[in-house]
PDB file of all heavy atoms in Angstrom:
ATOM      1  N   TRP A   1      -0.559  -1.755   2.766  1.00  0.00           N
ATOM      2  CA  TRP A   1       0.653  -2.727   2.514  1.00  0.00           C
ATOM      3  C   TRP A   1       1.819  -1.986   3.139  1.00  0.00           C
ATOM      4  O   TRP A   1       2.073  -0.797   2.928  1.00  0.00           O
ATOM      5  CB  TRP A   1       0.828  -2.795   1.021  1.00  0.00           C
ATOM      6  CG  TRP A   1      -0.206  -3.777   0.381  1.00  0.00           C
ATOM      7  CD1 TRP A   1      -1.276  -3.435  -0.230  1.00  0.00           C
ATOM      8  CD2 TRP A   1      -0.140  -5.217   0.394  1.00  0.00           C
ATOM      9  NE1 TRP A   1      -1.911  -4.592  -0.671  1.00  0.00           N
ATOM     10  CE2 TRP A   1      -1.190  -5.697  -0.305  1.00  0.00           C
ATOM     11  CE3 TRP A   1       0.781  -6.110   0.982  1.00  0.00           C
ATOM     12  CZ2 TRP A   1      -1.494  -7.036  -0.484  1.00  0.00           C
ATOM     13  CZ3 TRP A   1       0.572  -7.485   0.821  1.00  0.00           C
ATOM     14  CH2 TRP A   1      -0.572  -7.898   0.052  1.00  0.00           C
ATOM     15  N   TYR A   2       2.608  -2.847   3.821  1.00  0.00           N
ATOM     16  CA  TYR A   2       3.873  -2.424   4.534  1.00  0.00           C
ATOM     17  C   TYR A   2       4.986  -3.352   3.966  1.00  0.00           C
ATOM     18  O   TYR A   2       4.646  -4.478   3.417  1.00  0.00           O
ATOM     19  CB  TYR A   2       3.786  -2.407   6.014  1.00  0.00           C
ATOM     20  CG  TYR A   2       2.777  -1.423   6.522  1.00  0.00           C
ATOM     21  CD1 TYR A   2       1.450  -1.587   6.397  1.00  0.00           C
ATOM     22  CD2 TYR A   2       3.317  -0.304   7.152  1.00  0.00           C
ATOM     23  CE1 TYR A   2       0.587  -0.643   6.962  1.00  0.00           C
ATOM     24  CE2 TYR A   2       2.421   0.591   7.778  1.00  0.00           C
ATOM     25  CZ  TYR A   2       0.984   0.462   7.756  1.00  0.00           C
ATOM     26  OH  TYR A   2       0.179   1.303   8.274  1.00  0.00           O
ATOM     27  N   ARG A   3       6.279  -3.029   4.170  1.00  0.00           N
ATOM     28  CA  ARG A   3       7.312  -3.936   3.805  1.00  0.00           C
ATOM     29  C   ARG A   3       8.460  -3.720   4.873  1.00  0.00           C
ATOM     30  O   ARG A   3       8.664  -2.623   5.525  1.00  0.00           O
ATOM     31  CB  ARG A   3       7.812  -3.678   2.477  1.00  0.00           C
ATOM     32  CG  ARG A   3       8.531  -2.354   2.090  1.00  0.00           C
ATOM     33  CD  ARG A   3       8.827  -2.192   0.662  1.00  0.00           C
ATOM     34  NE  ARG A   3       9.505  -0.900   0.439  1.00  0.00           N
ATOM     35  CZ  ARG A   3       9.774  -0.547  -0.871  1.00  0.00           C
ATOM     36  NH1 ARG A   3       9.443  -1.296  -1.919  1.00  0.00           N
ATOM     37  NH2 ARG A   3      10.336   0.660  -1.017  1.00  0.00           N
ATOM     38  N   GLN A   4       9.164  -4.775   5.006  1.00  0.00           N
ATOM     39  CA  GLN A   4      10.353  -4.771   5.946  1.00  0.00           C
ATOM     40  C   GLN A   4      11.495  -5.563   5.282  1.00  0.00           C
ATOM     41  O   GLN A   4      11.374  -6.770   4.983  1.00  0.00           O
ATOM     42  CB  GLN A   4       9.992  -5.299   7.227  1.00  0.00           C
ATOM     43  CG  GLN A   4      11.035  -5.153   8.341  1.00  0.00           C
ATOM     44  CD  GLN A   4      10.597  -5.492   9.743  1.00  0.00           C
ATOM     45  OE1 GLN A   4       9.495  -6.084   9.858  1.00  0.00           O
ATOM     46  NE2 GLN A   4      11.202  -5.116  10.708  1.00  0.00           N
ATOM     47  N   ALA A   5      12.487  -4.710   5.100  1.00  0.00           N
ATOM     48  CA  ALA A   5      13.799  -5.389   4.575  1.00  0.00           C
ATOM     49  C   ALA A   5      14.683  -5.847   5.725  1.00  0.00           C
ATOM     50  O   ALA A   5      14.555  -5.277   6.847  1.00  0.00           O
ATOM     51  CB  ALA A   5      14.540  -4.422   3.591  1.00  0.00           C
ATOM     52  N   PRO A   6      15.615  -6.827   5.491  1.00  0.00           N
ATOM     53  CA  PRO A   6      16.413  -7.268   6.575  1.00  0.00           C
ATOM     54  C   PRO A   6      17.241  -6.138   7.198  1.00  0.00           C
ATOM     55  O   PRO A   6      17.781  -5.291   6.481  1.00  0.00           O
ATOM     56  CB  PRO A   6      17.271  -8.212   5.828  1.00  0.00           C
ATOM     57  CG  PRO A   6      16.602  -8.717   4.698  1.00  0.00           C
ATOM     58  CD  PRO A   6      15.816  -7.552   4.259  1.00  0.00           C
ATOM     59  N   GLY A   7      17.108  -6.029   8.533  1.00  0.00           N
ATOM     60  CA  GLY A   7      17.891  -4.949   9.252  1.00  0.00           C
ATOM     61  C   GLY A   7      17.286  -3.540   9.258  1.00  0.00           C
ATOM     62  O   GLY A   7      17.867  -2.643   9.620  1.00  0.00           O
ATOM     63  N   LYS A   8      16.104  -3.496   8.552  1.00  0.00           N
ATOM     64  CA  LYS A   8      15.419  -2.206   8.423  1.00  0.00           C
ATOM     65  C   LYS A   8      14.061  -2.231   9.221  1.00  0.00           C
ATOM     66  O   LYS A   8      13.556  -3.325   9.348  1.00  0.00           O
ATOM     67  CB  LYS A   8      15.238  -1.779   7.025  1.00  0.00           C
ATOM     68  CG  LYS A   8      16.568  -1.508   6.307  1.00  0.00           C
ATOM     69  CD  LYS A   8      16.322  -1.034   4.949  1.00  0.00           C
ATOM     70  CE  LYS A   8      17.666  -0.650   4.201  1.00  0.00           C
ATOM     71  NZ  LYS A   8      17.424  -0.075   2.861  1.00  0.00           N
ATOM     72  N   GLN A   9      13.562  -0.990   9.494  1.00  0.00           N
ATOM     73  CA  GLN A   9      12.251  -0.957  10.074  1.00  0.00           C
ATOM     74  C   GLN A   9      11.163  -1.140   9.104  1.00  0.00           C
ATOM     75  O   GLN A   9      11.276  -0.929   7.846  1.00  0.00           O
ATOM     76  CB  GLN A   9      12.044   0.401  10.701  1.00  0.00           C
ATOM     77  CG  GLN A   9      12.794   0.732  12.001  1.00  0.00           C
ATOM     78  CD  GLN A   9      12.500   1.961  12.706  1.00  0.00           C
ATOM     79  OE1 GLN A   9      12.056   2.888  12.137  1.00  0.00           O
ATOM     80  NE2 GLN A   9      12.531   1.959  14.003  1.00  0.00           N
ATOM     81  N   ARG A  10      10.048  -1.605   9.557  1.00  0.00           N
ATOM     82  CA  ARG A  10       8.912  -1.813   8.652  1.00  0.00           C
ATOM     83  C   ARG A  10       8.387  -0.372   8.128  1.00  0.00           C
ATOM     84  O   ARG A  10       8.286   0.516   9.012  1.00  0.00           O
ATOM     85  CB  ARG A  10       7.764  -2.519   9.387  1.00  0.00           C
ATOM     86  CG  ARG A  10       6.529  -3.018   8.512  1.00  0.00           C
ATOM     87  CD  ARG A  10       5.697  -3.950   9.248  1.00  0.00           C
ATOM     88  NE  ARG A  10       6.298  -5.209   9.661  1.00  0.00           N
ATOM     89  CZ  ARG A  10       5.696  -6.205  10.201  1.00  0.00           C
ATOM     90  NH1 ARG A  10       4.333  -6.197  10.384  1.00  0.00           N
ATOM     91  NH2 ARG A  10       6.406  -7.266  10.577  1.00  0.00           N
ATOM     92  N   GLU A  11       8.112  -0.361   7.010  1.00  0.00           N
ATOM     93  CA  GLU A  11       7.675   0.978   6.346  1.00  0.00           C
ATOM     94  C   GLU A  11       6.424   0.816   5.508  1.00  0.00           C
ATOM     95  O   GLU A  11       6.085  -0.243   4.950  1.00  0.00           O
ATOM     96  CB  GLU A  11       8.760   1.549   5.412  1.00  0.00           C
ATOM     97  CG  GLU A  11       9.099   0.714   4.221  1.00  0.00           C
ATOM     98  CD  GLU A  11      10.048   1.337   3.287  1.00  0.00           C
ATOM     99  OE1 GLU A  11      10.662   2.521   3.691  1.00  0.00           O
ATOM    100  OE2 GLU A  11      10.335   0.723   2.233  1.00  0.00           O
ATOM    101  N   LEU A  12       5.739   1.944   5.526  1.00  0.00           N
ATOM    102  CA  LEU A  12       4.432   2.000   4.825  1.00  0.00           C
ATOM    103  C   LEU A  12       4.767   1.958   3.322  1.00  0.00           C
ATOM    104  O   LEU A  12       5.606   2.783   2.912  1.00  0.00           O
ATOM    105  CB  LEU A  12       3.581   3.174   5.165  1.00  0.00           C
ATOM    106  CG  LEU A  12       2.307   3.449   4.429  1.00  0.00           C
ATOM    107  CD1 LEU A  12       1.216   2.461   4.835  1.00  0.00           C
ATOM    108  CD2 LEU A  12       1.782   4.837   4.790  1.00  0.00           C
ATOM    109  N   VAL A  13       3.986   1.238   2.558  1.00  0.00           N
ATOM    110  CA  VAL A  13       4.119   1.226   1.131  1.00  0.00           C
ATOM    111  C   VAL A  13       2.934   1.944   0.432  1.00  0.00           C
ATOM    112  O   VAL A  13       3.143   2.871  -0.344  1.00  0.00           O
ATOM    113  CB  VAL A  13       4.146  -0.219   0.511  1.00  0.00           C
ATOM    114  CG1 VAL A  13       4.203  -0.266  -1.048  1.00  0.00           C
ATOM    115  CG2 VAL A  13       5.407  -0.949   1.146  1.00  0.00           C
ATOM    116  N   ALA A  14       1.683   1.543   0.898  1.00  0.00           N
ATOM    117  CA  ALA A  14       0.539   2.181   0.327  1.00  0.00           C
ATOM    118  C   ALA A  14      -0.717   1.872   1.240  1.00  0.00           C
ATOM    119  O   ALA A  14      -0.733   0.894   1.927  1.00  0.00           O
ATOM    120  CB  ALA A  14       0.179   1.632  -1.039  1.00  0.00           C
ATOM    121  N   THR A  15      -1.748   2.792   1.010  1.00  0.00           N
ATOM    122  CA  THR A  15      -2.905   2.594   1.861  1.00  0.00           C
ATOM    123  C   THR A  15      -4.093   2.848   0.913  1.00  0.00           C
ATOM    124  O   THR A  15      -3.986   3.682  -0.033  1.00  0.00           O
ATOM    125  CB  THR A  15      -3.076   3.420   3.065  1.00  0.00           C
ATOM    126  OG1 THR A  15      -3.051   4.810   2.695  1.00  0.00           O
ATOM    127  CG2 THR A  15      -1.967   3.146   3.958  1.00  0.00           C
ATOM    128  N   ILE A  16      -5.280   2.234   1.198  1.00  0.00           N
ATOM    129  CA  ILE A  16      -6.453   2.609   0.482  1.00  0.00           C
ATOM    130  C   ILE A  16      -7.644   2.558   1.442  1.00  0.00           C
ATOM    131  O   ILE A  16      -7.755   1.732   2.270  1.00  0.00           O
ATOM    132  CB  ILE A  16      -6.693   1.498  -0.670  1.00  0.00           C
ATOM    133  CG1 ILE A  16      -7.957   1.917  -1.490  1.00  0.00           C
ATOM    134  CG2 ILE A  16      -6.828   0.074  -0.133  1.00  0.00           C
ATOM    135  CD1 ILE A  16      -8.053   1.036  -2.790  1.00  0.00           C
ATOM    136  N   THR A  17      -8.394   3.703   1.478  1.00  0.00           N
ATOM    137  CA  THR A  17      -9.464   3.838   2.439  1.00  0.00           C
ATOM    138  C   THR A  17     -10.734   3.128   1.855  1.00  0.00           C
ATOM    139  O   THR A  17     -10.767   2.605   0.909  1.00  0.00           O
ATOM    140  CB  THR A  17      -9.771   5.348   2.522  1.00  0.00           C
ATOM    141  OG1 THR A  17     -10.406   5.836   1.251  1.00  0.00           O
ATOM    142  CG2 THR A  17      -8.590   6.254   2.812  1.00  0.00           C
ATOM    143  N   ARG A  18     -11.700   3.087   2.827  1.00  0.00           N
ATOM    144  CA  ARG A  18     -12.932   2.502   2.495  1.00  0.00           C
ATOM    145  C   ARG A  18     -13.628   3.132   1.217  1.00  0.00           C
ATOM    146  O   ARG A  18     -14.375   2.492   0.568  1.00  0.00           O
ATOM    147  CB  ARG A  18     -13.886   2.524   3.632  1.00  0.00           C
ATOM    148  CG  ARG A  18     -14.205   3.900   4.183  1.00  0.00           C
ATOM    149  CD  ARG A  18     -14.876   3.849   5.490  1.00  0.00           C
ATOM    150  NE  ARG A  18     -16.295   3.285   5.366  1.00  0.00           N
ATOM    151  CZ  ARG A  18     -17.186   3.310   6.339  1.00  0.00           C
ATOM    152  NH1 ARG A  18     -16.732   3.666   7.614  1.00  0.00           N
ATOM    153  NH2 ARG A  18     -18.389   2.908   6.122  1.00  0.00           N
ATOM    154  N   ALA A  19     -13.344   4.356   0.941  1.00  0.00           N
ATOM    155  CA  ALA A  19     -13.784   5.145  -0.150  1.00  0.00           C
ATOM    156  C   ALA A  19     -13.111   4.949  -1.443  1.00  0.00           C
ATOM    157  O   ALA A  19     -13.408   5.478  -2.397  1.00  0.00           O
ATOM    158  CB  ALA A  19     -13.918   6.600   0.206  1.00  0.00           C
ATOM    159  N   GLY A  20     -11.880   4.247  -1.293  1.00  0.00           N
ATOM    160  CA  GLY A  20     -10.940   3.983  -2.410  1.00  0.00           C
ATOM    161  C   GLY A  20      -9.899   5.053  -2.577  1.00  0.00           C
ATOM    162  O   GLY A  20      -9.211   5.008  -3.682  1.00  0.00           O
ATOM    163  N   ASN A  21      -9.665   6.042  -1.578  1.00  0.00           N
ATOM    164  CA  ASN A  21      -8.550   6.932  -1.743  1.00  0.00           C
ATOM    165  C   ASN A  21      -7.299   6.282  -1.422  1.00  0.00           C
ATOM    166  O   ASN A  21      -7.237   5.506  -0.465  1.00  0.00           O
ATOM    167  CB  ASN A  21      -8.880   8.074  -0.780  1.00  0.00           C
ATOM    168  CG  ASN A  21     -10.143   8.873  -1.146  1.00  0.00           C
ATOM    169  OD1 ASN A  21     -10.404   9.196  -2.217  1.00  0.00           O
ATOM    170  ND2 ASN A  21     -11.066   9.093  -0.097  1.00  0.00           N
ATOM    171  N   THR A  22      -6.356   6.595  -2.199  1.00  0.00           N
ATOM    172  CA  THR A  22      -5.064   5.855  -2.054  1.00  0.00           C
ATOM    173  C   THR A  22      -3.958   6.874  -1.649  1.00  0.00           C
ATOM    174  O   THR A  22      -3.988   8.064  -1.901  1.00  0.00           O
ATOM    175  CB  THR A  22      -4.652   5.179  -3.413  1.00  0.00           C
ATOM    176  OG1 THR A  22      -4.564   6.208  -4.413  1.00  0.00           O
ATOM    177  CG2 THR A  22      -5.669   4.145  -3.728  1.00  0.00           C
ATOM    178  N   ASN A  23      -2.873   6.318  -1.116  1.00  0.00           N
ATOM    179  CA  ASN A  23      -1.771   7.015  -0.564  1.00  0.00           C
ATOM    180  C   ASN A  23      -0.480   6.176  -0.807  1.00  0.00           C
ATOM    181  O   ASN A  23      -0.653   4.969  -0.646  1.00  0.00           O
ATOM    182  CB  ASN A  23      -1.838   7.506   0.832  1.00  0.00           C
ATOM    183  CG  ASN A  23      -0.660   8.204   1.329  1.00  0.00           C
ATOM    184  OD1 ASN A  23      -0.347   9.283   0.639  1.00  0.00           O
ATOM    185  ND2 ASN A  23      -0.063   7.691   2.321  1.00  0.00           N
ATOM    186  N   TYR A  24       0.615   6.716  -1.295  1.00  0.00           N
ATOM    187  CA  TYR A  24       1.814   5.945  -1.658  1.00  0.00           C
ATOM    188  C   TYR A  24       3.010   6.502  -1.024  1.00  0.00           C
ATOM    189  O   TYR A  24       3.215   7.719  -1.016  1.00  0.00           O
ATOM    190  CB  TYR A  24       2.039   5.790  -3.223  1.00  0.00           C
ATOM    191  CG  TYR A  24       0.953   5.022  -3.891  1.00  0.00           C
ATOM    192  CD1 TYR A  24      -0.185   5.770  -4.366  1.00  0.00           C
ATOM    193  CD2 TYR A  24       0.883   3.696  -4.070  1.00  0.00           C
ATOM    194  CE1 TYR A  24      -1.260   5.206  -5.056  1.00  0.00           C
ATOM    195  CE2 TYR A  24      -0.092   3.062  -4.674  1.00  0.00           C
ATOM    196  CZ  TYR A  24      -1.203   3.688  -5.170  1.00  0.00           C
ATOM    197  OH  TYR A  24      -2.236   3.145  -5.846  1.00  0.00           O
ATOM    198  N   ALA A  25       3.932   5.633  -0.638  1.00  0.00           N
ATOM    199  CA  ALA A  25       5.348   6.086  -0.322  1.00  0.00           C
ATOM    200  C   ALA A  25       5.897   6.621  -1.525  1.00  0.00           C
ATOM    201  O   ALA A  25       5.687   6.224  -2.658  1.00  0.00           O
ATOM    202  CB  ALA A  25       6.143   4.968   0.255  1.00  0.00           C
ATOM    203  N   ASP A  26       6.822   7.639  -1.342  1.00  0.00           N
ATOM    204  CA  ASP A  26       7.343   8.295  -2.466  1.00  0.00           C
ATOM    205  C   ASP A  26       8.220   7.381  -3.381  1.00  0.00           C
ATOM    206  O   ASP A  26       8.299   7.425  -4.588  1.00  0.00           O
ATOM    207  CB  ASP A  26       8.326   9.548  -1.993  1.00  0.00           C
ATOM    208  CG  ASP A  26       7.516  10.691  -1.608  1.00  0.00           C
ATOM    209  OD1 ASP A  26       6.382  10.782  -1.838  1.00  0.00           O
ATOM    210  OD2 ASP A  26       8.128  11.471  -0.886  1.00  0.00           O
ATOM    211  N   SER A  27       8.740   6.353  -2.605  1.00  0.00           N
ATOM    212  CA  SER A  27       9.710   5.450  -3.275  1.00  0.00           C
ATOM    213  C   SER A  27       8.994   4.479  -4.251  1.00  0.00           C
ATOM    214  O   SER A  27       9.599   3.870  -5.226  1.00  0.00           O
ATOM    215  CB  SER A  27      10.307   4.563  -2.285  1.00  0.00           C
ATOM    216  OG  SER A  27       9.556   3.910  -1.505  1.00  0.00           O
ATOM    217  N   VAL A  28       7.555   4.415  -4.132  1.00  0.00           N
ATOM    218  CA  VAL A  28       6.819   3.452  -5.155  1.00  0.00           C
ATOM    219  C   VAL A  28       5.852   4.179  -6.026  1.00  0.00           C
ATOM    220  O   VAL A  28       5.292   3.527  -6.773  1.00  0.00           O
ATOM    221  CB  VAL A  28       6.122   2.420  -4.257  1.00  0.00           C
ATOM    222  CG1 VAL A  28       7.159   1.638  -3.365  1.00  0.00           C
ATOM    223  CG2 VAL A  28       5.035   2.927  -3.520  1.00  0.00           C
ATOM    224  N   LYS A  29       5.726   5.434  -5.760  1.00  0.00           N
ATOM    225  CA  LYS A  29       4.715   6.275  -6.658  1.00  0.00           C
ATOM    226  C   LYS A  29       5.025   6.067  -8.076  1.00  0.00           C
ATOM    227  O   LYS A  29       6.212   6.150  -8.468  1.00  0.00           O
ATOM    228  CB  LYS A  29       4.793   7.788  -6.231  1.00  0.00           C
ATOM    229  CG  LYS A  29       3.989   8.126  -5.095  1.00  0.00           C
ATOM    230  CD  LYS A  29       4.048   9.541  -4.746  1.00  0.00           C
ATOM    231  CE  LYS A  29       3.336   9.877  -3.398  1.00  0.00           C
ATOM    232  NZ  LYS A  29       3.447  11.327  -3.044  1.00  0.00           N
ATOM    233  N   GLY A  30       3.950   5.806  -8.767  1.00  0.00           N
ATOM    234  CA  GLY A  30       4.152   5.653 -10.282  1.00  0.00           C
ATOM    235  C   GLY A  30       4.498   4.231 -10.715  1.00  0.00           C
ATOM    236  O   GLY A  30       4.483   3.903 -11.895  1.00  0.00           O
ATOM    237  N   ARG A  31       4.883   3.327  -9.676  1.00  0.00           N
ATOM    238  CA  ARG A  31       5.208   1.909 -10.060  1.00  0.00           C
ATOM    239  C   ARG A  31       4.268   0.879  -9.400  1.00  0.00           C
ATOM    240  O   ARG A  31       4.002  -0.073  -9.928  1.00  0.00           O
ATOM    241  CB  ARG A  31       6.650   1.695  -9.507  1.00  0.00           C
ATOM    242  CG  ARG A  31       7.677   2.524 -10.117  1.00  0.00           C
ATOM    243  CD  ARG A  31       9.086   2.059  -9.700  1.00  0.00           C
ATOM    244  NE  ARG A  31       9.279   2.150  -8.306  1.00  0.00           N
ATOM    245  CZ  ARG A  31       9.657   1.036  -7.576  1.00  0.00           C
ATOM    246  NH1 ARG A  31       9.855  -0.128  -8.061  1.00  0.00           N
ATOM    247  NH2 ARG A  31       9.952   1.262  -6.222  1.00  0.00           N
ATOM    248  N   PHE A  32       3.875   1.286  -8.135  1.00  0.00           N
ATOM    249  CA  PHE A  32       2.897   0.350  -7.497  1.00  0.00           C
ATOM    250  C   PHE A  32       1.519   0.928  -7.543  1.00  0.00           C
ATOM    251  O   PHE A  32       1.285   2.179  -7.427  1.00  0.00           O
ATOM    252  CB  PHE A  32       3.278   0.222  -6.028  1.00  0.00           C
ATOM    253  CG  PHE A  32       4.674  -0.569  -5.816  1.00  0.00           C
ATOM    254  CD1 PHE A  32       5.445  -0.861  -6.856  1.00  0.00           C
ATOM    255  CD2 PHE A  32       5.006  -0.998  -4.536  1.00  0.00           C
ATOM    256  CE1 PHE A  32       6.661  -1.591  -6.570  1.00  0.00           C
ATOM    257  CE2 PHE A  32       6.157  -1.605  -4.274  1.00  0.00           C
ATOM    258  CZ  PHE A  32       7.071  -1.904  -5.385  1.00  0.00           C
ATOM    259  N   THR A  33       0.527   0.031  -7.434  1.00  0.00           N
ATOM    260  CA  THR A  33      -0.935   0.428  -7.344  1.00  0.00           C
ATOM    261  C   THR A  33      -1.668  -0.476  -6.378  1.00  0.00           C
ATOM    262  O   THR A  33      -1.568  -1.670  -6.483  1.00  0.00           O
ATOM    263  CB  THR A  33      -1.641   0.278  -8.773  1.00  0.00           C
ATOM    264  OG1 THR A  33      -0.897   1.085  -9.736  1.00  0.00           O
ATOM    265  CG2 THR A  33      -3.128   0.794  -8.747  1.00  0.00           C
ATOM    266  N   ILE A  34      -2.226   0.180  -5.413  1.00  0.00           N
ATOM    267  CA  ILE A  34      -3.090  -0.617  -4.538  1.00  0.00           C
ATOM    268  C   ILE A  34      -4.526  -0.469  -4.859  1.00  0.00           C
ATOM    269  O   ILE A  34      -5.029   0.585  -5.459  1.00  0.00           O
ATOM    270  CB  ILE A  34      -2.972   0.067  -3.060  1.00  0.00           C
ATOM    271  CG1 ILE A  34      -3.507  -0.844  -1.987  1.00  0.00           C
ATOM    272  CG2 ILE A  34      -3.414   1.427  -2.994  1.00  0.00           C
ATOM    273  CD1 ILE A  34      -3.222  -0.447  -0.533  1.00  0.00           C
ATOM    274  N   SER A  35      -5.186  -1.631  -4.755  1.00  0.00           N
ATOM    275  CA  SER A  35      -6.695  -1.657  -5.027  1.00  0.00           C
ATOM    276  C   SER A  35      -7.328  -2.615  -4.189  1.00  0.00           C
ATOM    277  O   SER A  35      -6.773  -3.340  -3.406  1.00  0.00           O
ATOM    278  CB  SER A  35      -6.876  -1.999  -6.567  1.00  0.00           C
ATOM    279  OG  SER A  35      -6.353  -3.347  -6.829  1.00  0.00           O
ATOM    280  N   ARG A  36      -8.692  -2.586  -4.182  1.00  0.00           N
ATOM    281  CA  ARG A  36      -9.416  -3.534  -3.241  1.00  0.00           C
ATOM    282  C   ARG A  36     -10.657  -4.064  -3.939  1.00  0.00           C
ATOM    283  O   ARG A  36     -11.198  -3.268  -4.852  1.00  0.00           O
ATOM    284  CB  ARG A  36      -9.781  -2.822  -1.935  1.00  0.00           C
ATOM    285  CG  ARG A  36     -10.745  -1.709  -2.079  1.00  0.00           C
ATOM    286  CD  ARG A  36     -10.889  -0.871  -0.715  1.00  0.00           C
ATOM    287  NE  ARG A  36     -11.253  -1.739   0.335  1.00  0.00           N
ATOM    288  CZ  ARG A  36     -11.154  -1.286   1.649  1.00  0.00           C
ATOM    289  NH1 ARG A  36     -10.512  -0.321   1.909  1.00  0.00           N
ATOM    290  NH2 ARG A  36     -11.670  -2.098   2.593  1.00  0.00           N
ATOM    291  N   ASP A  37     -11.109  -5.247  -3.561  1.00  0.00           N
ATOM    292  CA  ASP A  37     -12.245  -5.752  -4.035  1.00  0.00           C
ATOM    293  C   ASP A  37     -13.101  -6.150  -2.821  1.00  0.00           C
ATOM    294  O   ASP A  37     -12.914  -7.244  -2.190  1.00  0.00           O
ATOM    295  CB  ASP A  37     -12.036  -6.953  -4.892  1.00  0.00           C
ATOM    296  CG  ASP A  37     -13.275  -7.547  -5.508  1.00  0.00           C
ATOM    297  OD1 ASP A  37     -14.408  -7.357  -5.037  1.00  0.00           O
ATOM    298  OD2 ASP A  37     -13.179  -8.222  -6.549  1.00  0.00           O
ATOM    299  N   ASN A  38     -14.102  -5.305  -2.371  1.00  0.00           N
ATOM    300  CA  ASN A  38     -14.797  -5.625  -1.130  1.00  0.00           C
ATOM    301  C   ASN A  38     -15.669  -6.774  -1.300  1.00  0.00           C
ATOM    302  O   ASN A  38     -16.033  -7.404  -0.345  1.00  0.00           O
ATOM    303  CB  ASN A  38     -15.639  -4.343  -0.879  1.00  0.00           C
ATOM    304  CG  ASN A  38     -14.833  -3.138  -0.394  1.00  0.00           C
ATOM    305  OD1 ASN A  38     -13.697  -3.296   0.108  1.00  0.00           O
ATOM    306  ND2 ASN A  38     -15.339  -1.937  -0.541  1.00  0.00           N
ATOM    307  N   ALA A  39     -16.097  -7.167  -2.454  1.00  0.00           N
ATOM    308  CA  ALA A  39     -16.960  -8.388  -2.658  1.00  0.00           C
ATOM    309  C   ALA A  39     -16.068  -9.575  -2.403  1.00  0.00           C
ATOM    310  O   ALA A  39     -16.608 -10.704  -2.026  1.00  0.00           O
ATOM    311  CB  ALA A  39     -17.413  -8.558  -4.061  1.00  0.00           C
ATOM    312  N   LYS A  40     -14.750  -9.522  -2.545  1.00  0.00           N
ATOM    313  CA  LYS A  40     -13.840 -10.718  -2.284  1.00  0.00           C
ATOM    314  C   LYS A  40     -13.040 -10.521  -1.030  1.00  0.00           C
ATOM    315  O   LYS A  40     -12.258 -11.321  -0.723  1.00  0.00           O
ATOM    316  CB  LYS A  40     -12.828 -10.891  -3.490  1.00  0.00           C
ATOM    317  CG  LYS A  40     -13.654 -11.306  -4.700  1.00  0.00           C
ATOM    318  CD  LYS A  40     -12.574 -11.469  -5.871  1.00  0.00           C
ATOM    319  CE  LYS A  40     -13.306 -11.866  -7.246  1.00  0.00           C
ATOM    320  NZ  LYS A  40     -12.253 -12.123  -8.290  1.00  0.00           N
ATOM    321  N   ASN A  41     -13.365  -9.432  -0.323  1.00  0.00           N
ATOM    322  CA  ASN A  41     -12.568  -9.191   1.006  1.00  0.00           C
ATOM    323  C   ASN A  41     -11.064  -9.123   0.738  1.00  0.00           C
ATOM    324  O   ASN A  41     -10.252  -9.767   1.471  1.00  0.00           O
ATOM    325  CB  ASN A  41     -13.037 -10.165   2.055  1.00  0.00           C
ATOM    326  CG  ASN A  41     -14.330  -9.969   2.673  1.00  0.00           C
ATOM    327  OD1 ASN A  41     -14.986  -8.943   2.213  1.00  0.00           O
ATOM    328  ND2 ASN A  41     -14.742 -10.799   3.530  1.00  0.00           N
ATOM    329  N   THR A  42     -10.571  -8.695  -0.351  1.00  0.00           N
ATOM    330  CA  THR A  42      -9.240  -8.780  -0.714  1.00  0.00           C
ATOM    331  C   THR A  42      -8.632  -7.354  -1.150  1.00  0.00           C
ATOM    332  O   THR A  42      -9.393  -6.518  -1.857  1.00  0.00           O
ATOM    333  CB  THR A  42      -9.099  -9.737  -1.926  1.00  0.00           C
ATOM    334  OG1 THR A  42      -9.598 -11.046  -1.541  1.00  0.00           O
ATOM    335  CG2 THR A  42      -7.649  -9.930  -2.373  1.00  0.00           C
TER     336      THR A  42
END
């Protein structure tokens, strides 16, 4: 997941690997959670 605010560059928010390992931008740690459902391709 990435985000882009007006007038700013697109920035990484969070990633999740095929194994379910996650990584977060410092600005969202503790507030945002990334997850995936491979059965739903979502």
